Amino acid sequence: AINGRVMTVAKLAGTCYAFQEFCTHRFGPLSEGAFEGHQVVCPWHRSC
């Protein structure tokens, strides 16, 4: 959380990526999601 903005920072294949924490569907926490290649899967409703 930087200045109140919450984001997920992920490390994939030695590279880091930063994106918003909450899924745009129903605000599932993406930092708790699974990864398929360079795709993050929302743990709540499986948006990718």
All heavy atoms as atom14 arrays in JSON, in Angstrom:
{
  "sequence": "AINGRVMTVAKLAGTCYAFQEFCTHRFGPLSEGAFEGHQVVCPWHRSC",
  "atom14_mask": [
    [1, 1, 1, 1, 1, 0, 0, 0, 0, 0, 0, 0, 0, 0],
    [1, 1, 1, 1, 1, 1, 1, 1, 0, 0, 0, 0, 0, 0],
    [1, 1, 1, 1, 1, 1, 1, 1, 0, 0, 0, 0, 0, 0],
    [1, 1, 1, 1, 0, 0, 0, 0, 0, 0, 0, 0, 0, 0],
    [1, 1, 1, 1, 1, 1, 1, 1, 1, 1, 1, 0, 0, 0],
    [1, 1, 1, 1, 1, 1, 1, 0, 0, 0, 0, 0, 0, 0],
    [1, 1, 1, 1, 1, 1, 1, 1, 0, 0, 0, 0, 0, 0],
    [1, 1, 1, 1, 1, 1, 1, 0, 0, 0, 0, 0, 0, 0],
    [1, 1, 1, 1, 1, 1, 1, 0, 0, 0, 0, 0, 0, 0],
    [1, 1, 1, 1, 1, 0, 0, 0, 0, 0, 0, 0, 0, 0],
    [1, 1, 1, 1, 1, 1, 1, 1, 1, 0, 0, 0, 0, 0],
    [1, 1, 1, 1, 1, 1, 1, 1, 0, 0, 0, 0, 0, 0],
    [1, 1, 1, 1, 1, 0, 0, 0, 0, 0, 0, 0, 0, 0],
    [1, 1, 1, 1, 0, 0, 0, 0, 0, 0, 0, 0, 0, 0],
    [1, 1, 1, 1, 1, 1, 1, 0, 0, 0, 0, 0, 0, 0],
    [1, 1, 1, 1, 1, 1, 0, 0, 0, 0, 0, 0, 0, 0],
    [1, 1, 1, 1, 1, 1, 1, 1, 1, 1, 1, 1, 0, 0],
    [1, 1, 1, 1, 1, 0, 0, 0, 0, 0, 0, 0, 0, 0],
    [1, 1, 1, 1, 1, 1, 1, 1, 1, 1, 1, 0, 0, 0],
    [1, 1, 1, 1, 1, 1, 1, 1, 1, 0, 0, 0, 0, 0],
    [1, 1, 1, 1, 1, 1, 1, 1, 1, 0, 0, 0, 0, 0],
    [1, 1, 1, 1, 1, 1, 1, 1, 1, 1, 1, 0, 0, 0],
    [1, 1, 1, 1, 1, 1, 0, 0, 0, 0, 0, 0, 0, 0],
    [1, 1, 1, 1, 1, 1, 1, 0, 0, 0, 0, 0, 0, 0],
    [1, 1, 1, 1, 1, 1, 1, 1, 1, 1, 0, 0, 0, 0],
    [1, 1, 1, 1, 1, 1, 1, 1, 1, 1, 1, 0, 0, 0],
    [1, 1, 1, 1, 1, 1, 1, 1, 1, 1, 1, 0, 0, 0],
    [1, 1, 1, 1, 0, 0, 0, 0, 0, 0, 0, 0, 0, 0],
    [1, 1, 1, 1, 1, 1, 1, 0, 0, 0, 0, 0, 0, 0],
    [1, 1, 1, 1, 1, 1, 1, 1, 0, 0, 0, 0, 0, 0],
    [1, 1, 1, 1, 1, 1, 0, 0, 0, 0, 0, 0, 0, 0],
    [1, 1, 1, 1, 1, 1, 1, 1, 1, 0, 0, 0, 0, 0],
    [1, 1, 1, 1, 0, 0, 0, 0, 0, 0, 0, 0, 0, 0],
    [1, 1, 1, 1, 1, 0, 0, 0, 0, 0, 0, 0, 0, 0],
    [1, 1, 1, 1, 1, 1, 1, 1, 1, 1, 1, 0, 0, 0],
    [1, 1, 1, 1, 1, 1, 1, 1, 1, 0, 0, 0, 0, 0],
    [1, 1, 1, 1, 0, 0, 0, 0, 0, 0, 0, 0, 0, 0],
    [1, 1, 1, 1, 1, 1, 1, 1, 1, 1, 0, 0, 0, 0],
    [1, 1, 1, 1, 1, 1, 1, 1, 1, 0, 0, 0, 0, 0],
    [1, 1, 1, 1, 1, 1, 1, 0, 0, 0, 0, 0, 0, 0],
    [1, 1, 1, 1, 1, 1, 1, 0, 0, 0, 0, 0, 0, 0],
    [1, 1, 1, 1, 1, 1, 0, 0, 0, 0, 0, 0, 0, 0],
    [1, 1, 1, 1, 1, 1, 1, 0, 0, 0, 0, 0, 0, 0],
    [1, 1, 1, 1, 1, 1, 1, 1, 1, 1, 1, 1, 1, 1],
    [1, 1, 1, 1, 1, 1, 1, 1, 1, 1, 0, 0, 0, 0],
    [1, 1, 1, 1, 1, 1, 1, 1, 1, 1, 1, 0, 0, 0],
    [1, 1, 1, 1, 1, 1, 0, 0, 0, 0, 0, 0, 0, 0],
    [1, 1, 1, 1, 1, 1, 0, 0, 0, 0, 0, 0, 0, 0]
  ],
  "atom14_positions": [
    [[0.86, -1.19, 0.0], [0.0, 0.0, 0.0], [0.89, 1.23, 0.0], [1.68, 1.44, 0.93], [-0.92, 0.01, 1.22], [0.0, 0.0, 0.0], [0.0, 0.0, 0.0], [0.0, 0.0, 0.0], [0.0, 0.0, 0.0], [0.0, 0.0, 0.0], [0.0, 0.0, 0.0], [0.0, 0.0, 0.0], [0.0, 0.0, 0.0], [0.0, 0.0, 0.0]],
    [[0.81, 2.03, -1.06], [1.59, 3.26, -1.17], [0.61, 4.43, -1.28], [-0.18, 4.49, -2.22], [2.53, 3.24, -2.39], [3.48, 2.04, -2.32], [3.33, 4.53, -2.48], [4.4, 1.91, -3.51], [0.0, 0.0, 0.0], [0.0, 0.0, 0.0], [0.0, 0.0, 0.0], [0.0, 0.0, 0.0], [0.0, 0.0, 0.0], [0.0, 0.0, 0.0]],
    [[0.68, 5.31, -0.3], [-0.25, 6.46, -0.24], [-1.72, 6.01, -0.28], [-2.57, 6.67, -0.87], [0.02, 7.42, -1.39], [1.42, 8.01, -1.32], [2.09, 7.93, -0.29], [1.88, 8.59, -2.42], [0.0, 0.0, 0.0], [0.0, 0.0, 0.0], [0.0, 0.0, 0.0], [0.0, 0.0, 0.0], [0.0, 0.0, 0.0], [0.0, 0.0, 0.0]],
    [[-2.01, 4.85, 0.32], [-3.38, 4.35, 0.36], [-3.78, 3.54, -0.85], [-4.85, 2.92, -0.85], [0.0, 0.0, 0.0], [0.0, 0.0, 0.0], [0.0, 0.0, 0.0], [0.0, 0.0, 0.0], [0.0, 0.0, 0.0], [0.0, 0.0, 0.0], [0.0, 0.0, 0.0], [0.0, 0.0, 0.0], [0.0, 0.0, 0.0], [0.0, 0.0, 0.0]],
    [[-2.96, 3.52, -1.91], [-3.28, 2.72, -3.09], [-2.7, 1.31, -2.85], [-1.5, 1.16, -2.64], [-2.67, 3.33, -4.35], [-3.02, 2.53, -5.61], [-2.2, 3.03, -6.79], [-2.62, 4.36, -7.22], [-3.6, 4.58, -8.1], [-4.27, 3.57, -8.61], [-3.9, 5.81, -8.45], [0.0, 0.0, 0.0], [0.0, 0.0, 0.0], [0.0, 0.0, 0.0]],
    [[-3.55, 0.3, -2.92], [-3.14, -1.07, -2.63], [-2.84, -1.79, -3.94], [-3.64, -1.74, -4.89], [-4.22, -1.82, -1.84], [-3.67, -3.15, -1.34], [-4.71, -0.98, -0.67], [0.0, 0.0, 0.0], [0.0, 0.0, 0.0], [0.0, 0.0, 0.0], [0.0, 0.0, 0.0], [0.0, 0.0, 0.0], [0.0, 0.0, 0.0], [0.0, 0.0, 0.0]],
    [[-1.7, -2.45, -3.99], [-1.31, -3.16, -5.19], [-0.69, -4.51, -4.85], [-0.25, -4.75, -3.73], [-0.31, -2.32, -6.0], [1.0, -2.07, -5.29], [2.12, -0.96, -6.22], [1.26, 0.61, -6.02], [0.0, 0.0, 0.0], [0.0, 0.0, 0.0], [0.0, 0.0, 0.0], [0.0, 0.0, 0.0], [0.0, 0.0, 0.0], [0.0, 0.0, 0.0]],
    [[-0.69, -5.38, -5.84], [0.01, -6.66, -5.76], [1.32, -6.53, -6.5], [1.37, -6.0, -7.61], [-0.83, -7.78, -6.41], [-2.06, -7.92, -5.72], [-0.08, -9.11, -6.37], [0.0, 0.0, 0.0], [0.0, 0.0, 0.0], [0.0, 0.0, 0.0], [0.0, 0.0, 0.0], [0.0, 0.0, 0.0], [0.0, 0.0, 0.0], [0.0, 0.0, 0.0]],
    [[2.38, -6.99, -5.87], [3.69, -7.08, -6.53], [4.02, -8.57, -6.65], [4.08, -9.27, -5.64], [4.78, -6.34, -5.75], [6.13, -6.52, -6.44], [4.43, -4.86, -5.62], [0.0, 0.0, 0.0], [0.0, 0.0, 0.0], [0.0, 0.0, 0.0], [0.0, 0.0, 0.0], [0.0, 0.0, 0.0], [0.0, 0.0, 0.0], [0.0, 0.0, 0.0]],
    [[4.19, -9.04, -7.88], [4.44, -10.46, -8.13], [5.8, -10.64, -8.8], [6.23, -9.8, -9.6], [3.35, -11.04, -9.02], [0.0, 0.0, 0.0], [0.0, 0.0, 0.0], [0.0, 0.0, 0.0], [0.0, 0.0, 0.0], [0.0, 0.0, 0.0], [0.0, 0.0, 0.0], [0.0, 0.0, 0.0], [0.0, 0.0, 0.0], [0.0, 0.0, 0.0]],
    [[6.46, -11.74, -8.46], [7.74, -12.07, -9.07], [7.56, -13.33, -9.9], [7.23, -14.4, -9.38], [8.8, -12.31, -7.98], [10.2, -12.55, -8.51], [11.17, -12.74, -7.35], [12.57, -13.04, -7.82], [13.47, -13.32, -6.66], [0.0, 0.0, 0.0], [0.0, 0.0, 0.0], [0.0, 0.0, 0.0], [0.0, 0.0, 0.0], [0.0, 0.0, 0.0]],
    [[7.73, -13.2, -11.22], [7.52, -14.3, -12.15], [8.72, -14.44, -13.07], [9.08, -13.49, -13.77], [6.25, -14.06, -12.98], [4.94, -13.85, -12.2], [3.82, -13.45, -13.16], [4.57, -15.11, -11.44], [0.0, 0.0, 0.0], [0.0, 0.0, 0.0], [0.0, 0.0, 0.0], [0.0, 0.0, 0.0], [0.0, 0.0, 0.0], [0.0, 0.0, 0.0]],
    [[9.34, -15.6, -13.03], [10.51, -15.88, -13.88], [11.58, -14.81, -13.74], [12.18, -14.37, -14.72], [10.07, -16.03, -15.35], [0.0, 0.0, 0.0], [0.0, 0.0, 0.0], [0.0, 0.0, 0.0], [0.0, 0.0, 0.0], [0.0, 0.0, 0.0], [0.0, 0.0, 0.0], [0.0, 0.0, 0.0], [0.0, 0.0, 0.0], [0.0, 0.0, 0.0]],
    [[11.81, -14.34, -12.52], [12.87, -13.38, -12.26], [12.52, -11.94, -12.53], [13.34, -11.05, -12.33], [0.0, 0.0, 0.0], [0.0, 0.0, 0.0], [0.0, 0.0, 0.0], [0.0, 0.0, 0.0], [0.0, 0.0, 0.0], [0.0, 0.0, 0.0], [0.0, 0.0, 0.0], [0.0, 0.0, 0.0], [0.0, 0.0, 0.0], [0.0, 0.0, 0.0]],
    [[11.3, -11.69, -13.0], [10.86, -10.32, -13.29], [9.71, -9.96, -12.36], [8.88, -10.81, -12.03], [10.4, -10.2, -14.75], [11.47, -10.58, -15.62], [9.97, -8.78, -15.08], [0.0, 0.0, 0.0], [0.0, 0.0, 0.0], [0.0, 0.0, 0.0], [0.0, 0.0, 0.0], [0.0, 0.0, 0.0], [0.0, 0.0, 0.0], [0.0, 0.0, 0.0]],
    [[9.65, -8.72, -11.92], [8.57, -8.3, -11.02], [7.53, -7.49, -11.79], [7.85, -6.79, -12.75], [9.11, -7.51, -9.83], [9.88, -5.94, -10.24], [0.0, 0.0, 0.0], [0.0, 0.0, 0.0], [0.0, 0.0, 0.0], [0.0, 0.0, 0.0], [0.0, 0.0, 0.0], [0.0, 0.0, 0.0], [0.0, 0.0, 0.0], [0.0, 0.0, 0.0]],
    [[6.29, -7.63, -11.34], [5.16, -6.92, -11.95], [4.31, -6.34, -10.81], [4.15, -6.96, -9.75], [4.32, -7.86, -12.8], [5.1, -8.54, -13.9], [5.7, -9.77, -13.68], [5.25, -7.94, -15.15], [6.44, -10.4, -14.68], [5.98, -8.55, -16.16], [6.58, -9.79, -15.91], [7.3, -10.4, -16.9], [0.0, 0.0, 0.0], [0.0, 0.0, 0.0]],
    [[3.77, -5.17, -11.04], [2.91, -4.52, -10.03], [1.58, -4.15, -10.67], [1.54, -3.58, -11.77], [3.6, -3.28, -9.47], [0.0, 0.0, 0.0], [0.0, 0.0, 0.0], [0.0, 0.0, 0.0], [0.0, 0.0, 0.0], [0.0, 0.0, 0.0], [0.0, 0.0, 0.0], [0.0, 0.0, 0.0], [0.0, 0.0, 0.0], [0.0, 0.0, 0.0]],
    [[0.51, -4.49, -10.0], [-0.83, -4.2, -10.52], [-1.79, -4.06, -9.34], [-1.47, -4.45, -8.21], [-1.3, -5.32, -11.47], [-1.07, -6.72, -10.95], [-2.05, -7.37, -10.21], [0.15, -7.36, -11.17], [-1.85, -8.64, -9.72], [0.37, -8.65, -10.68], [-0.62, -9.29, -9.96], [0.0, 0.0, 0.0], [0.0, 0.0, 0.0], [0.0, 0.0, 0.0]],
    [[-2.96, -3.51, -9.6], [-3.88, -3.24, -8.5], [-4.27, -4.52, -7.78], [-4.39, -5.59, -8.38], [-5.12, -2.51, -9.01], [-6.07, -3.36, -9.84], [-7.28, -2.56, -10.3], [-7.14, -1.65, -11.11], [-8.47, -2.9, -9.81], [0.0, 0.0, 0.0], [0.0, 0.0, 0.0], [0.0, 0.0, 0.0], [0.0, 0.0, 0.0], [0.0, 0.0, 0.0]],
    [[-4.47, -4.41, -6.48], [-4.74, -5.58, -5.64], [-6.13, -6.17, -5.86], [-6.29, -7.39, -5.88], [-4.58, -5.17, -4.16], [-5.22, -6.09, -3.14], [-4.49, -7.41, -2.94], [-3.64, -7.76, -3.78], [-4.8, -8.1, -1.97], [0.0, 0.0, 0.0], [0.0, 0.0, 0.0], [0.0, 0.0, 0.0], [0.0, 0.0, 0.0], [0.0, 0.0, 0.0]],
    [[-7.13, -5.33, -6.06], [-8.5, -5.82, -6.05], [-9.02, -6.08, -7.46], [-8.94, -5.22, -8.34], [-9.42, -4.83, -5.33], [-9.0, -4.57, -3.91], [-8.52, -3.34, -3.52], [-9.04, -5.59, -2.97], [-8.12, -3.11, -2.21], [-8.65, -5.38, -1.67], [-8.17, -4.14, -1.28], [0.0, 0.0, 0.0], [0.0, 0.0, 0.0], [0.0, 0.0, 0.0]],
    [[-9.55, -7.27, -7.67], [-10.14, -7.65, -8.95], [-11.24, -6.67, -9.33], [-12.0, -6.2, -8.47], [-10.69, -9.07, -8.84], [-11.56, -9.64, -10.32], [0.0, 0.0, 0.0], [0.0, 0.0, 0.0], [0.0, 0.0, 0.0], [0.0, 0.0, 0.0], [0.0, 0.0, 0.0], [0.0, 0.0, 0.0], [0.0, 0.0, 0.0], [0.0, 0.0, 0.0]],
    [[-11.36, -6.37, -10.6], [-12.35, -5.41, -11.07], [-13.75, -5.99, -11.15], [-14.7, -5.29, -11.49], [-11.95, -4.86, -12.45], [-11.82, -5.96, -13.38], [-10.64, -4.11, -12.38], [0.0, 0.0, 0.0], [0.0, 0.0, 0.0], [0.0, 0.0, 0.0], [0.0, 0.0, 0.0], [0.0, 0.0, 0.0], [0.0, 0.0, 0.0], [0.0, 0.0, 0.0]],
    [[-13.89, -7.28, -10.84], [-15.22, -7.9, -10.86], [-15.93, -7.73, -9.53], [-16.89, -7.0, -9.41], [-15.09, -9.39, -11.21], [-16.36, -10.16, -11.11], [-16.5, -11.28, -10.32], [-17.58, -9.94, -11.68], [-17.74, -11.74, -10.43], [-18.41, -10.94, -11.24], [0.0, 0.0, 0.0], [0.0, 0.0, 0.0], [0.0, 0.0, 0.0], [0.0, 0.0, 0.0]],
    [[-15.4, -8.37, -8.47], [-16.01, -8.27, -7.14], [-14.95, -8.02, -6.07], [-15.12, -8.4, -4.93], [-16.83, -9.53, -6.81], [-18.12, -9.67, -7.6], [-19.14, -8.62, -7.2], [-20.42, -8.82, -7.88], [-20.75, -8.25, -9.02], [-19.87, -7.46, -9.62], [-21.92, -8.48, -9.58], [0.0, 0.0, 0.0], [0.0, 0.0, 0.0], [0.0, 0.0, 0.0]],
    [[-13.83, -7.43, -6.48], [-12.79, -6.99, -5.55], [-12.09, -8.13, -4.8], [-11.69, -7.97, -3.65], [-13.36, -5.97, -4.54], [-14.1, -4.85, -5.19], [-15.48, -4.78, -5.15], [-13.4, -3.88, -5.89], [-16.16, -3.75, -5.77], [-14.07, -2.84, -6.52], [-15.45, -2.77, -6.47], [0.0, 0.0, 0.0], [0.0, 0.0, 0.0], [0.0, 0.0, 0.0]],
    [[-11.93, -9.27, -5.45], [-11.15, -10.35, -4.86], [-9.7, -9.95, -4.73], [-9.17, -9.2, -5.57], [0.0, 0.0, 0.0], [0.0, 0.0, 0.0], [0.0, 0.0, 0.0], [0.0, 0.0, 0.0], [0.0, 0.0, 0.0], [0.0, 0.0, 0.0], [0.0, 0.0, 0.0], [0.0, 0.0, 0.0], [0.0, 0.0, 0.0], [0.0, 0.0, 0.0]],
    [[-8.98, -10.44, -3.7], [-7.58, -10.06, -3.48], [-6.63, -10.81, -4.41], [-6.38, -12.01, -4.24], [-7.35, -10.46, -2.01], [-8.29, -11.61, -1.8], [-9.5, -11.34, -2.65], [0.0, 0.0, 0.0], [0.0, 0.0, 0.0], [0.0, 0.0, 0.0], [0.0, 0.0, 0.0], [0.0, 0.0, 0.0], [0.0, 0.0, 0.0], [0.0, 0.0, 0.0]],
    [[-6.08, -10.13, -5.37], [-5.24, -10.79, -6.38], [-3.89, -11.23, -5.82], [-3.23, -12.1, -6.39], [-5.04, -9.86, -7.58], [-6.32, -9.51, -8.33], [-6.03, -8.58, -9.5], [-7.03, -10.77, -8.84], [0.0, 0.0, 0.0], [0.0, 0.0, 0.0], [0.0, 0.0, 0.0], [0.0, 0.0, 0.0], [0.0, 0.0, 0.0], [0.0, 0.0, 0.0]],
    [[-3.45, -10.66, -4.69], [-2.21, -11.12, -4.08], [-2.36, -12.54, -3.54], [-1.37, -13.2, -3.22], [-1.79, -10.18, -2.94], [-2.76, -10.17, -1.91], [0.0, 0.0, 0.0], [0.0, 0.0, 0.0], [0.0, 0.0, 0.0], [0.0, 0.0, 0.0], [0.0, 0.0, 0.0], [0.0, 0.0, 0.0], [0.0, 0.0, 0.0], [0.0, 0.0, 0.0]],
    [[-3.59, -13.05, -3.46], [-3.84, -14.41, -3.0], [-4.21, -15.32, -4.16], [-4.57, -16.48, -3.96], [-4.97, -14.41, -1.96], [-4.62, -13.61, -0.71], [-5.73, -13.6, 0.32], [-6.7, -14.37, 0.15], [-5.63, -12.85, 1.3], [0.0, 0.0, 0.0], [0.0, 0.0, 0.0], [0.0, 0.0, 0.0], [0.0, 0.0, 0.0], [0.0, 0.0, 0.0]],
    [[-4.1, -14.79, -5.4], [-4.47, -15.58, -6.57], [-3.35, -16.5, -7.03], [-2.23, -16.46, -6.53], [0.0, 0.0, 0.0], [0.0, 0.0, 0.0], [0.0, 0.0, 0.0], [0.0, 0.0, 0.0], [0.0, 0.0, 0.0], [0.0, 0.0, 0.0], [0.0, 0.0, 0.0], [0.0, 0.0, 0.0], [0.0, 0.0, 0.0], [0.0, 0.0, 0.0]],
    [[-3.68, -17.33, -8.0], [-2.71, -18.25, -8.61], [-2.24, -17.66, -9.94], [-2.86, -16.76, -10.5], [-3.35, -19.62, -8.82], [0.0, 0.0, 0.0], [0.0, 0.0, 0.0], [0.0, 0.0, 0.0], [0.0, 0.0, 0.0], [0.0, 0.0, 0.0], [0.0, 0.0, 0.0], [0.0, 0.0, 0.0], [0.0, 0.0, 0.0], [0.0, 0.0, 0.0]],
    [[-1.13, -18.2, -10.46], [-0.56, -17.7, -11.7], [-0.5, -18.8, -12.74], [-0.15, -19.94, -12.45], [0.83, -17.12, -11.46], [0.82, -15.85, -10.66], [0.99, -15.9, -9.28], [0.61, -14.63, -11.26], [0.95, -14.74, -8.52], [0.57, -13.47, -10.52], [0.74, -13.52, -9.15], [0.0, 0.0, 0.0], [0.0, 0.0, 0.0], [0.0, 0.0, 0.0]],
    [[-0.87, -18.43, -13.95], [-0.74, -19.3, -15.12], [0.06, -18.54, -16.16], [-0.47, -17.7, -16.88], [-2.13, -19.69, -15.65], [-2.97, -20.47, -14.66], [-4.39, -20.75, -15.15], [-4.72, -20.29, -16.27], [-5.13, -21.43, -14.43], [0.0, 0.0, 0.0], [0.0, 0.0, 0.0], [0.0, 0.0, 0.0], [0.0, 0.0, 0.0], [0.0, 0.0, 0.0]],
    [[1.35, -18.8, -16.22], [2.22, -18.0, -17.07], [2.27, -16.58, -16.55], [2.58, -16.33, -15.39], [0.0, 0.0, 0.0], [0.0, 0.0, 0.0], [0.0, 0.0, 0.0], [0.0, 0.0, 0.0], [0.0, 0.0, 0.0], [0.0, 0.0, 0.0], [0.0, 0.0, 0.0], [0.0, 0.0, 0.0], [0.0, 0.0, 0.0], [0.0, 0.0, 0.0]],
    [[1.9, -15.62, -17.41], [1.86, -14.21, -17.01], [0.44, -13.76, -16.7], [0.14, -12.57, -16.77], [2.47, -13.34, -18.11], [3.96, -13.42, -18.18], [4.61, -14.33, -18.98], [4.93, -12.73, -17.51], [5.92, -14.2, -18.83], [6.14, -13.24, -17.94], [0.0, 0.0, 0.0], [0.0, 0.0, 0.0], [0.0, 0.0, 0.0], [0.0, 0.0, 0.0]],
    [[-0.42, -14.7, -16.37], [-1.79, -14.36, -16.0], [-2.02, -14.65, -14.52], [-1.59, -15.69, -14.0], [-2.79, -15.16, -16.84], [-2.76, -14.8, -18.32], [-3.79, -15.58, -19.11], [-4.77, -16.06, -18.57], [-3.55, -15.7, -20.41], [0.0, 0.0, 0.0], [0.0, 0.0, 0.0], [0.0, 0.0, 0.0], [0.0, 0.0, 0.0], [0.0, 0.0, 0.0]],
    [[-2.7, -13.73, -13.84], [-3.1, -13.95, -12.46], [-4.58, -14.33, -12.46], [-5.38, -13.75, -13.17], [-2.86, -12.7, -11.58], [-3.65, -11.49, -12.08], [-3.18, -12.99, -10.13], [0.0, 0.0, 0.0], [0.0, 0.0, 0.0], [0.0, 0.0, 0.0], [0.0, 0.0, 0.0], [0.0, 0.0, 0.0], [0.0, 0.0, 0.0], [0.0, 0.0, 0.0]],
    [[-4.9, -15.36, -11.67], [-6.27, -15.85, -11.58], [-6.86, -15.41, -10.25], [-6.33, -15.74, -9.19], [-6.32, -17.39, -11.69], [-7.77, -17.87, -11.66], [-5.61, -17.87, -12.95], [0.0, 0.0, 0.0], [0.0, 0.0, 0.0], [0.0, 0.0, 0.0], [0.0, 0.0, 0.0], [0.0, 0.0, 0.0], [0.0, 0.0, 0.0], [0.0, 0.0, 0.0]],
    [[-7.94, -14.65, -10.31], [-8.58, -14.18, -9.08], [-9.04, -15.37, -8.26], [-9.68, -16.3, -8.79], [-9.77, -13.28, -9.42], [-10.69, -12.73, -7.95], [0.0, 0.0, 0.0], [0.0, 0.0, 0.0], [0.0, 0.0, 0.0], [0.0, 0.0, 0.0], [0.0, 0.0, 0.0], [0.0, 0.0, 0.0], [0.0, 0.0, 0.0], [0.0, 0.0, 0.0]],
    [[-8.75, -15.4, -6.95], [-9.13, -16.56, -6.14], [-10.62, -16.69, -5.91], [-11.09, -17.76, -5.55], [-8.39, -16.3, -4.82], [-8.24, -14.83, -4.74], [-8.03, -14.39, -6.16], [0.0, 0.0, 0.0], [0.0, 0.0, 0.0], [0.0, 0.0, 0.0], [0.0, 0.0, 0.0], [0.0, 0.0, 0.0], [0.0, 0.0, 0.0], [0.0, 0.0, 0.0]],
    [[-11.38, -15.61, -6.11], [-12.81, -15.67, -5.81], [-13.64, -16.21, -6.96], [-14.39, -17.16, -6.79], [-13.33, -14.28, -5.42], [-12.89, -13.85, -4.05], [-11.98, -14.48, -3.24], [-13.35, -12.7, -3.34], [-11.83, -13.78, -2.07], [-12.66, -12.69, -2.09], [-14.24, -11.69, -3.63], [-12.86, -11.68, -1.14], [-14.44, -10.69, -2.68], [-13.76, -10.7, -1.45]],
    [[-13.51, -15.62, -8.14], [-14.39, -16.01, -9.25], [-13.62, -16.36, -10.53], [-14.21, -16.46, -11.59], [-15.4, -14.89, -9.53], [-16.2, -14.51, -8.33], [-16.07, -13.29, -7.7], [-17.11, -15.2, -7.62], [-16.88, -13.24, -6.65], [-17.51, -14.38, -6.57], [0.0, 0.0, 0.0], [0.0, 0.0, 0.0], [0.0, 0.0, 0.0], [0.0, 0.0, 0.0]],
    [[-12.28, -16.47, -10.41], [-11.42, -17.0, -11.47], [-11.32, -16.11, -12.71], [-11.05, -16.59, -13.81], [-11.84, -18.41, -11.86], [-11.94, -19.35, -10.68], [-12.03, -20.79, -11.07], [-10.73, -21.3, -11.47], [-10.47, -22.59, -11.71], [-11.44, -23.47, -11.59], [-9.28, -22.98, -12.08], [0.0, 0.0, 0.0], [0.0, 0.0, 0.0], [0.0, 0.0, 0.0]],
    [[-11.53, -14.82, -12.55], [-11.18, -13.91, -13.64], [-9.67, -13.94, -13.86], [-8.91, -14.07, -12.89], [-11.62, -12.48, -13.31], [-13.02, -12.38, -13.24], [0.0, 0.0, 0.0], [0.0, 0.0, 0.0], [0.0, 0.0, 0.0], [0.0, 0.0, 0.0], [0.0, 0.0, 0.0], [0.0, 0.0, 0.0], [0.0, 0.0, 0.0], [0.0, 0.0, 0.0]],
    [[-9.24, -13.82, -15.1], [-7.8, -13.86, -15.42], [-7.37, -12.53, -16.03], [-8.07, -11.97, -16.88], [-7.49, -14.99, -16.4], [-7.76, -16.64, -15.75], [0.0, 0.0, 0.0], [0.0, 0.0, 0.0], [0.0, 0.0, 0.0], [0.0, 0.0, 0.0], [0.0, 0.0, 0.0], [0.0, 0.0, 0.0], [0.0, 0.0, 0.0], [0.0, 0.0, 0.0]]
  ]
}
